[in-house]
PDB file of N, CA and C in Angstrom:
ATOM      1  N   MET A   1     -14.806  13.285  20.608  1.00  0.00           N
ATOM      2  CA  MET A   1     -13.954  12.514  21.466  1.00  0.00           C
ATOM      3  C   MET A   1     -12.958  13.778  22.028  1.00  0.00           C
ATOM      4  N   VAL A   2     -12.291  13.570  23.079  1.00  0.00           N
ATOM      5  CA  VAL A   2     -11.504  14.460  23.588  1.00  0.00           C
ATOM      6  C   VAL A   2     -10.024  13.896  23.945  1.00  0.00           C
ATOM      7  N   GLY A   3      -9.170  14.416  23.179  1.00  0.00           N
ATOM      8  CA  GLY A   3      -7.610  14.081  23.415  1.00  0.00           C
ATOM      9  C   GLY A   3      -6.891  15.092  24.147  1.00  0.00           C
ATOM     10  N   ALA A   4      -5.622  14.808  24.212  1.00  0.00           N
ATOM     11  CA  ALA A   4      -4.554  15.710  25.041  1.00  0.00           C
ATOM     12  C   ALA A   4      -4.576  17.238  24.257  1.00  0.00           C
ATOM     13  N   HIS A   5      -5.068  17.271  23.033  1.00  0.00           N
ATOM     14  CA  HIS A   5      -5.163  18.644  22.502  1.00  0.00           C
ATOM     15  C   HIS A   5      -6.543  19.310  22.327  1.00  0.00           C
ATOM     16  N   GLY A   6      -7.537  18.813  23.030  1.00  0.00           N
ATOM     17  CA  GLY A   6      -8.827  19.165  23.082  1.00  0.00           C
ATOM     18  C   GLY A   6      -9.768  18.373  22.471  1.00  0.00           C
ATOM     19  N   PRO A   7     -11.039  18.895  22.097  1.00  0.00           N
ATOM     20  CA  PRO A   7     -12.143  18.025  21.594  1.00  0.00           C
ATOM     21  C   PRO A   7     -12.097  17.876  19.982  1.00  0.00           C
ATOM     22  N   TYR A   8     -12.300  16.612  19.615  1.00  0.00           N
ATOM     23  CA  TYR A   8     -12.152  16.471  18.166  1.00  0.00           C
ATOM     24  C   TYR A   8     -13.366  15.752  17.799  1.00  0.00           C
ATOM     25  N   VAL A   9     -13.813  16.028  16.548  1.00  0.00           N
ATOM     26  CA  VAL A   9     -15.111  15.329  15.907  1.00  0.00           C
ATOM     27  C   VAL A   9     -14.552  14.149  14.876  1.00  0.00           C
ATOM     28  N   GLU A  10     -15.020  12.924  15.116  1.00  0.00           N
ATOM     29  CA  GLU A  10     -14.570  11.860  14.322  1.00  0.00           C
ATOM     30  C   GLU A  10     -15.589  11.757  13.133  1.00  0.00           C
ATOM     31  N   PHE A  11     -15.018  11.375  11.886  1.00  0.00           N
ATOM     32  CA  PHE A  11     -15.815  11.371  10.624  1.00  0.00           C
ATOM     33  C   PHE A  11     -15.435   9.799  10.128  1.00  0.00           C
ATOM     34  N   THR A  12     -16.445   9.227   9.288  1.00  0.00           N
ATOM     35  CA  THR A  12     -16.229   8.086   8.703  1.00  0.00           C
ATOM     36  C   THR A  12     -15.939   8.392   7.295  1.00  0.00           C
ATOM     37  N   HIS A  13     -15.530   7.189   6.364  1.00  0.00           N
ATOM     38  CA  HIS A  13     -15.163   7.377   5.098  1.00  0.00           C
ATOM     39  C   HIS A  13     -16.281   7.695   4.367  1.00  0.00           C
ATOM     40  N   TYR A  14     -17.369   7.582   4.826  1.00  0.00           N
ATOM     41  CA  TYR A  14     -18.660   7.572   3.812  1.00  0.00           C
ATOM     42  C   TYR A  14     -19.239   8.947   3.750  1.00  0.00           C
ATOM     43  N   GLN A  15     -18.793  10.001   4.341  1.00  0.00           N
ATOM     44  CA  GLN A  15     -19.252  11.389   4.257  1.00  0.00           C
ATOM     45  C   GLN A  15     -18.644  12.087   3.076  1.00  0.00           C
ATOM     46  N   ASP A  16     -19.590  12.938   2.444  1.00  0.00           N
ATOM     47  CA  ASP A  16     -19.088  13.514   1.310  1.00  0.00           C
ATOM     48  C   ASP A  16     -17.821  14.433   1.223  1.00  0.00           C
ATOM     49  N   PHE A  17     -17.409  14.997   2.465  1.00  0.00           N
ATOM     50  CA  PHE A  17     -16.420  15.946   2.498  1.00  0.00           C
ATOM     51  C   PHE A  17     -14.904  15.211   2.180  1.00  0.00           C
ATOM     52  N   PHE A  18     -14.993  13.978   1.951  1.00  0.00           N
ATOM     53  CA  PHE A  18     -13.673  13.361   1.787  1.00  0.00           C
ATOM     54  C   PHE A  18     -13.381  13.661   0.488  1.00  0.00           C
ATOM     55  N   SER A  19     -14.114  13.847  -0.566  1.00  0.00           N
ATOM     56  CA  SER A  19     -13.816  14.269  -1.929  1.00  0.00           C
ATOM     57  C   SER A  19     -12.951  15.575  -1.974  1.00  0.00           C
ATOM     58  N   LYS A  20     -12.993  16.201  -0.801  1.00  0.00           N
ATOM     59  CA  LYS A  20     -12.533  17.544  -0.897  1.00  0.00           C
ATOM     60  C   LYS A  20     -11.185  17.759  -0.090  1.00  0.00           C
ATOM     61  N   LEU A  21     -10.748  16.462   0.235  1.00  0.00           N
ATOM     62  CA  LEU A  21      -9.395  16.643   1.085  1.00  0.00           C
ATOM     63  C   LEU A  21      -8.243  16.631   0.200  1.00  0.00           C
ATOM     64  N   ILE A  22      -7.266  17.359   0.744  1.00  0.00           N
ATOM     65  CA  ILE A  22      -6.025  17.497   0.120  1.00  0.00           C
ATOM     66  C   ILE A  22      -4.900  17.423   1.099  1.00  0.00           C
ATOM     67  N   ILE A  23      -3.721  16.972   0.671  1.00  0.00           N
ATOM     68  CA  ILE A  23      -2.614  16.912   1.680  1.00  0.00           C
ATOM     69  C   ILE A  23      -1.815  18.094   1.207  1.00  0.00           C
ATOM     70  N   PRO A  24      -1.574  19.054   2.274  1.00  0.00           N
ATOM     71  CA  PRO A  24      -0.713  20.164   1.999  1.00  0.00           C
ATOM     72  C   PRO A  24       0.741  19.703   1.604  1.00  0.00           C
ATOM     73  N   GLU A  25       1.384  20.421   0.627  1.00  0.00           N
ATOM     74  CA  GLU A  25       2.651  20.220   0.138  1.00  0.00           C
ATOM     75  C   GLU A  25       3.703  19.802   1.238  1.00  0.00           C
ATOM     76  N   ASP A  26       3.504  20.711   2.289  1.00  0.00           N
ATOM     77  CA  ASP A  26       4.551  20.599   3.464  1.00  0.00           C
ATOM     78  C   ASP A  26       4.361  19.287   4.152  1.00  0.00           C
ATOM     79  N   GLN A  27       3.260  18.653   3.968  1.00  0.00           N
ATOM     80  CA  GLN A  27       2.832  17.418   4.810  1.00  0.00           C
ATOM     81  C   GLN A  27       2.915  16.118   3.903  1.00  0.00           C
ATOM     82  N   LEU A  28       3.293  16.225   2.578  1.00  0.00           N
ATOM     83  CA  LEU A  28       3.317  15.093   1.735  1.00  0.00           C
ATOM     84  C   LEU A  28       4.180  13.989   2.284  1.00  0.00           C
ATOM     85  N   TRP A  29       5.241  14.173   3.005  1.00  0.00           N
ATOM     86  CA  TRP A  29       6.193  13.375   3.349  1.00  0.00           C
ATOM     87  C   TRP A  29       5.513  12.210   4.279  1.00  0.00           C
ATOM     88  N   ARG A  30       4.441  12.523   4.963  1.00  0.00           N
ATOM     89  CA  ARG A  30       3.736  11.735   5.963  1.00  0.00           C
ATOM     90  C   ARG A  30       3.125  10.568   5.115  1.00  0.00           C
ATOM     91  N   ALA A  31       2.704  10.747   3.917  1.00  0.00           N
ATOM     92  CA  ALA A  31       1.943   9.918   3.006  1.00  0.00           C
ATOM     93  C   ALA A  31       3.015   9.211   2.001  1.00  0.00           C
ATOM     94  N   GLU A  32       3.930   9.849   1.568  1.00  0.00           N
ATOM     95  CA  GLU A  32       4.545   9.548   0.380  1.00  0.00           C
ATOM     96  C   GLU A  32       5.953   9.145   0.642  1.00  0.00           C
ATOM     97  N   ASP A  33       6.764   9.630   1.653  1.00  0.00           N
ATOM     98  CA  ASP A  33       8.159   9.293   1.963  1.00  0.00           C
ATOM     99  C   ASP A  33       8.281   7.975   2.337  1.00  0.00           C
ATOM    100  N   LYS A  34       9.089   7.095   1.838  1.00  0.00           N
ATOM    101  CA  LYS A  34       9.109   5.701   2.182  1.00  0.00           C
ATOM    102  C   LYS A  34       9.786   5.452   3.483  1.00  0.00           C
ATOM    103  N   ARG A  35      10.511   6.517   3.945  1.00  0.00           N
ATOM    104  CA  ARG A  35      11.344   6.425   5.314  1.00  0.00           C
ATOM    105  C   ARG A  35      10.280   6.613   6.303  1.00  0.00           C
ATOM    106  N   TYR A  36       9.089   7.360   6.176  1.00  0.00           N
ATOM    107  CA  TYR A  36       8.325   7.653   7.233  1.00  0.00           C
ATOM    108  C   TYR A  36       6.861   7.179   7.043  1.00  0.00           C
ATOM    109  N   LYS A  37       6.370   6.937   5.865  1.00  0.00           N
ATOM    110  CA  LYS A  37       4.859   6.852   5.744  1.00  0.00           C
ATOM    111  C   LYS A  37       4.375   5.474   6.342  1.00  0.00           C
ATOM    112  N   ASP A  38       5.212   4.558   6.859  1.00  0.00           N
ATOM    113  CA  ASP A  38       4.787   3.297   7.440  1.00  0.00           C
ATOM    114  C   ASP A  38       4.872   3.778   9.090  1.00  0.00           C
ATOM    115  N   ARG A  39       5.611   4.807   9.259  1.00  0.00           N
ATOM    116  CA  ARG A  39       5.808   4.965  10.789  1.00  0.00           C
ATOM    117  C   ARG A  39       5.057   6.182  11.469  1.00  0.00           C
ATOM    118  N   VAL A  40       4.501   6.981  10.757  1.00  0.00           N
ATOM    119  CA  VAL A  40       3.792   8.062  11.118  1.00  0.00           C
ATOM    120  C   VAL A  40       2.367   7.742  11.842  1.00  0.00           C
ATOM    121  N   LYS A  41       2.097   8.439  12.830  1.00  0.00           N
ATOM    122  CA  LYS A  41       0.815   8.132  13.629  1.00  0.00           C
ATOM    123  C   LYS A  41      -0.328   8.703  12.946  1.00  0.00           C
ATOM    124  N   TYR A  42      -0.208   9.840  12.102  1.00  0.00           N
ATOM    125  CA  TYR A  42      -1.447  10.370  11.356  1.00  0.00           C
ATOM    126  C   TYR A  42      -0.853  10.985  10.141  1.00  0.00           C
ATOM    127  N   VAL A  43      -1.899  11.249   9.243  1.00  0.00           N
ATOM    128  CA  VAL A  43      -1.700  12.008   8.014  1.00  0.00           C
ATOM    129  C   VAL A  43      -2.417  13.280   8.048  1.00  0.00           C
ATOM    130  N   HIS A  44      -1.793  14.463   7.812  1.00  0.00           N
ATOM    131  CA  HIS A  44      -2.448  15.589   7.883  1.00  0.00           C
ATOM    132  C   HIS A  44      -2.982  16.094   6.518  1.00  0.00           C
ATOM    133  N   TYR A  45      -4.197  16.328   6.539  1.00  0.00           N
ATOM    134  CA  TYR A  45      -5.090  16.847   5.374  1.00  0.00           C
ATOM    135  C   TYR A  45      -5.588  18.081   5.568  1.00  0.00           C
ATOM    136  N   GLU A  46      -6.076  18.825   4.526  1.00  0.00           N
ATOM    137  CA  GLU A  46      -6.752  20.019   4.794  1.00  0.00           C
ATOM    138  C   GLU A  46      -8.187  19.880   3.770  1.00  0.00           C
ATOM    139  N   LEU A  47      -9.070  20.600   4.164  1.00  0.00           N
ATOM    140  CA  LEU A  47     -10.259  20.705   3.116  1.00  0.00           C
ATOM    141  C   LEU A  47      -9.946  21.795   2.092  1.00  0.00           C
ATOM    142  N   SER A  48     -10.102  21.256   0.934  1.00  0.00           N
ATOM    143  CA  SER A  48      -9.715  22.226  -0.254  1.00  0.00           C
ATOM    144  C   SER A  48     -10.761  23.349  -0.170  1.00  0.00           C
ATOM    145  N   THR A  49     -11.938  23.263   0.418  1.00  0.00           N
ATOM    146  CA  THR A  49     -12.855  24.352   0.378  1.00  0.00           C
ATOM    147  C   THR A  49     -12.661  25.174   1.447  1.00  0.00           C
ATOM    148  N   VAL A  50     -11.956  24.863   2.654  1.00  0.00           N
ATOM    149  CA  VAL A  50     -11.629  25.710   3.657  1.00  0.00           C
ATOM    150  C   VAL A  50     -10.214  25.790   3.901  1.00  0.00           C
ATOM    151  N   PRO A  51      -9.409  26.455   3.320  1.00  0.00           N
ATOM    152  CA  PRO A  51      -8.105  26.420   3.472  1.00  0.00           C
ATOM    153  C   PRO A  51      -7.600  26.655   4.891  1.00  0.00           C
ATOM    154  N   GLY A  52      -6.661  25.872   5.230  1.00  0.00           N
ATOM    155  CA  GLY A  52      -6.106  25.845   6.751  1.00  0.00           C
ATOM    156  C   GLY A  52      -6.970  25.140   7.633  1.00  0.00           C
ATOM    157  N   MET A  53      -7.994  24.529   7.305  1.00  0.00           N
ATOM    158  CA  MET A  53      -8.692  23.546   8.308  1.00  0.00           C
ATOM    159  C   MET A  53      -7.902  22.287   8.269  1.00  0.00           C
ATOM    160  N   LYS A  54      -7.542  21.843   9.250  1.00  0.00           N
ATOM    161  CA  LYS A  54      -6.787  20.726   9.450  1.00  0.00           C
ATOM    162  C   LYS A  54      -7.729  19.337   9.726  1.00  0.00           C
ATOM    163  N   VAL A  55      -7.447  18.196   8.847  1.00  0.00           N
ATOM    164  CA  VAL A  55      -8.150  17.034   9.105  1.00  0.00           C
ATOM    165  C   VAL A  55      -7.110  15.977   9.287  1.00  0.00           C
ATOM    166  N   TYR A  56      -7.020  15.299  10.356  1.00  0.00           N
ATOM    167  CA  TYR A  56      -6.218  14.128  10.502  1.00  0.00           C
ATOM    168  C   TYR A  56      -6.771  12.814  10.379  1.00  0.00           C
ATOM    169  N   PHE A  57      -5.972  12.095   9.569  1.00  0.00           N
ATOM    170  CA  PHE A  57      -6.322  10.564   9.231  1.00  0.00           C
ATOM    171  C   PHE A  57      -5.328   9.773  10.217  1.00  0.00           C
ATOM    172  N   GLN A  58      -5.919   9.220  11.086  1.00  0.00           N
ATOM    173  CA  GLN A  58      -5.166   8.439  12.244  1.00  0.00           C
ATOM    174  C   GLN A  58      -4.834   7.115  11.535  1.00  0.00           C
ATOM    175  N   ARG A  59      -3.405   6.874  11.476  1.00  0.00           N
ATOM    176  CA  ARG A  59      -2.893   5.729  10.987  1.00  0.00           C
ATOM    177  C   ARG A  59      -2.459   4.650  12.206  1.00  0.00           C
ATOM    178  N   LYS A  60      -2.042   5.203  13.294  1.00  0.00           N
ATOM    179  CA  LYS A  60      -1.706   4.391  14.374  1.00  0.00           C
ATOM    180  C   LYS A  60      -2.306   4.805  15.685  1.00  0.00           C
ATOM    181  N   PRO A  61      -2.387   3.872  16.739  1.00  0.00           N
ATOM    182  CA  PRO A  61      -3.087   4.287  18.106  1.00  0.00           C
ATOM    183  C   PRO A  61      -2.070   5.203  18.621  1.00  0.00           C
ATOM    184  N   VAL A  62      -2.559   6.017  19.603  1.00  0.00           N
ATOM    185  CA  VAL A  62      -1.634   6.801  20.547  1.00  0.00           C
ATOM    186  C   VAL A  62      -2.212   6.456  21.987  1.00  0.00           C
ATOM    187  N   VAL A  63      -1.309   6.973  22.897  1.00  0.00           N
ATOM    188  CA  VAL A  63      -1.691   6.744  24.304  1.00  0.00           C
ATOM    189  C   VAL A  63      -2.293   8.033  24.806  1.00  0.00           C
ATOM    190  N   TYR A  64      -2.194   9.063  24.186  1.00  0.00           N
ATOM    191  CA  TYR A  64      -2.800  10.306  24.844  1.00  0.00           C
ATOM    192  C   TYR A  64      -4.272  10.568  24.433  1.00  0.00           C
ATOM    193  N   ALA A  65      -4.775   9.711  23.589  1.00  0.00           N
ATOM    194  CA  ALA A  65      -6.393   9.924  23.140  1.00  0.00           C
ATOM    195  C   ALA A  65      -6.852   8.633  22.608  1.00  0.00           C
ATOM    196  N   ASP A  66      -8.142   8.745  22.391  1.00  0.00           N
ATOM    197  CA  ASP A  66      -8.720   7.433  22.031  1.00  0.00           C
ATOM    198  C   ASP A  66      -9.108   7.381  20.488  1.00  0.00           C
ATOM    199  N   TYR A  67      -8.134   8.025  19.794  1.00  0.00           N
ATOM    200  CA  TYR A  67      -8.293   8.073  18.333  1.00  0.00           C
ATOM    201  C   TYR A  67      -8.282   6.763  17.805  1.00  0.00           C
ATOM    202  N   ARG A  68      -9.006   6.345  16.723  1.00  0.00           N
ATOM    203  CA  ARG A  68      -9.164   5.105  16.196  1.00  0.00           C
ATOM    204  C   ARG A  68      -8.399   5.001  14.895  1.00  0.00           C
ATOM    205  N   PRO A  69      -7.373   4.077  14.598  1.00  0.00           N
ATOM    206  CA  PRO A  69      -6.777   3.985  13.228  1.00  0.00           C
ATOM    207  C   PRO A  69      -7.864   3.851  12.201  1.00  0.00           C
ATOM    208  N   ASP A  70      -7.574   4.554  11.127  1.00  0.00           N
ATOM    209  CA  ASP A  70      -8.530   4.578  10.051  1.00  0.00           C
ATOM    210  C   ASP A  70      -9.665   5.517  10.330  1.00  0.00           C
ATOM    211  N   GLY A  71      -9.533   6.525  11.288  1.00  0.00           N
ATOM    212  CA  GLY A  71     -10.480   7.551  11.540  1.00  0.00           C
ATOM    213  C   GLY A  71     -10.098   8.762  11.209  1.00  0.00           C
ATOM    214  N   PHE A  72     -10.986   9.590  10.654  1.00  0.00           N
ATOM    215  CA  PHE A  72     -10.565  11.082  10.494  1.00  0.00           C
ATOM    216  C   PHE A  72     -11.062  12.004  11.438  1.00  0.00           C
ATOM    217  N   TYR A  73     -10.382  12.962  11.841  1.00  0.00           N
ATOM    218  CA  TYR A  73     -10.666  13.808  12.918  1.00  0.00           C
ATOM    219  C   TYR A  73     -10.411  15.199  12.675  1.00  0.00           C
ATOM    220  N   ILE A  74     -11.526  16.092  12.943  1.00  0.00           N
ATOM    221  CA  ILE A  74     -11.253  17.663  12.906  1.00  0.00           C
ATOM    222  C   ILE A  74     -11.317  18.197  14.349  1.00  0.00           C
ATOM    223  N   ASP A  75     -10.551  19.216  14.376  1.00  0.00           N
ATOM    224  CA  ASP A  75     -10.664  19.953  15.729  1.00  0.00           C
ATOM    225  C   ASP A  75     -11.860  20.652  15.946  1.00  0.00           C
ATOM    226  N   LEU A  76     -12.698  20.417  16.914  1.00  0.00           N
ATOM    227  CA  LEU A  76     -14.083  20.963  17.203  1.00  0.00           C
ATOM    228  C   LEU A  76     -14.039  22.468  17.043  1.00  0.00           C
ATOM    229  N   TYR A  77     -13.122  22.996  17.585  1.00  0.00           N
ATOM    230  CA  TYR A  77     -12.945  24.448  17.497  1.00  0.00           C
ATOM    231  C   TYR A  77     -12.890  25.093  16.165  1.00  0.00           C
ATOM    232  N   GLU A  78     -12.079  24.232  15.239  1.00  0.00           N
ATOM    233  CA  GLU A  78     -11.938  24.816  13.924  1.00  0.00           C
ATOM    234  C   GLU A  78     -13.293  24.698  13.244  1.00  0.00           C
ATOM    235  N   LEU A  79     -14.232  23.551  13.533  1.00  0.00           N
ATOM    236  CA  LEU A  79     -15.591  23.425  12.854  1.00  0.00           C
ATOM    237  C   LEU A  79     -16.509  24.596  13.226  1.00  0.00           C
ATOM    238  N   VAL A  80     -16.476  24.970  14.528  1.00  0.00           N
ATOM    239  CA  VAL A  80     -17.463  25.855  15.047  1.00  0.00           C
ATOM    240  C   VAL A  80     -17.062  27.281  14.718  1.00  0.00           C
ATOM    241  N   ASN A  81     -15.812  27.493  14.498  1.00  0.00           N
ATOM    242  CA  ASN A  81     -15.396  28.722  14.030  1.00  0.00           C
ATOM    243  C   ASN A  81     -15.424  29.048  12.422  1.00  0.00           C
ATOM    244  N   GLU A  82     -15.849  28.107  11.829  1.00  0.00           N
ATOM    245  CA  GLU A  82     -16.086  28.115  10.311  1.00  0.00           C
ATOM    246  C   GLU A  82     -17.443  28.775   9.993  1.00  0.00           C
TER     247      GLU A  82
END
């Protein structure tokens, strides 16, 4: 799918790479801080096997793209450059 920030690949919960996801320390607030965790649009993860590769877990709909809540997204350019 293509959003305002370029092409992204959507993944389902059933694919193996989800066991390799970590939340970077500077992004933990999105998932753990009570002031924000229910209001953020996405949670930023990274693949533990590919440091720096961002994986987004969409929590809320947005107007600038067709991301689905509960979907995981990786920037297509990050995938092809790996």
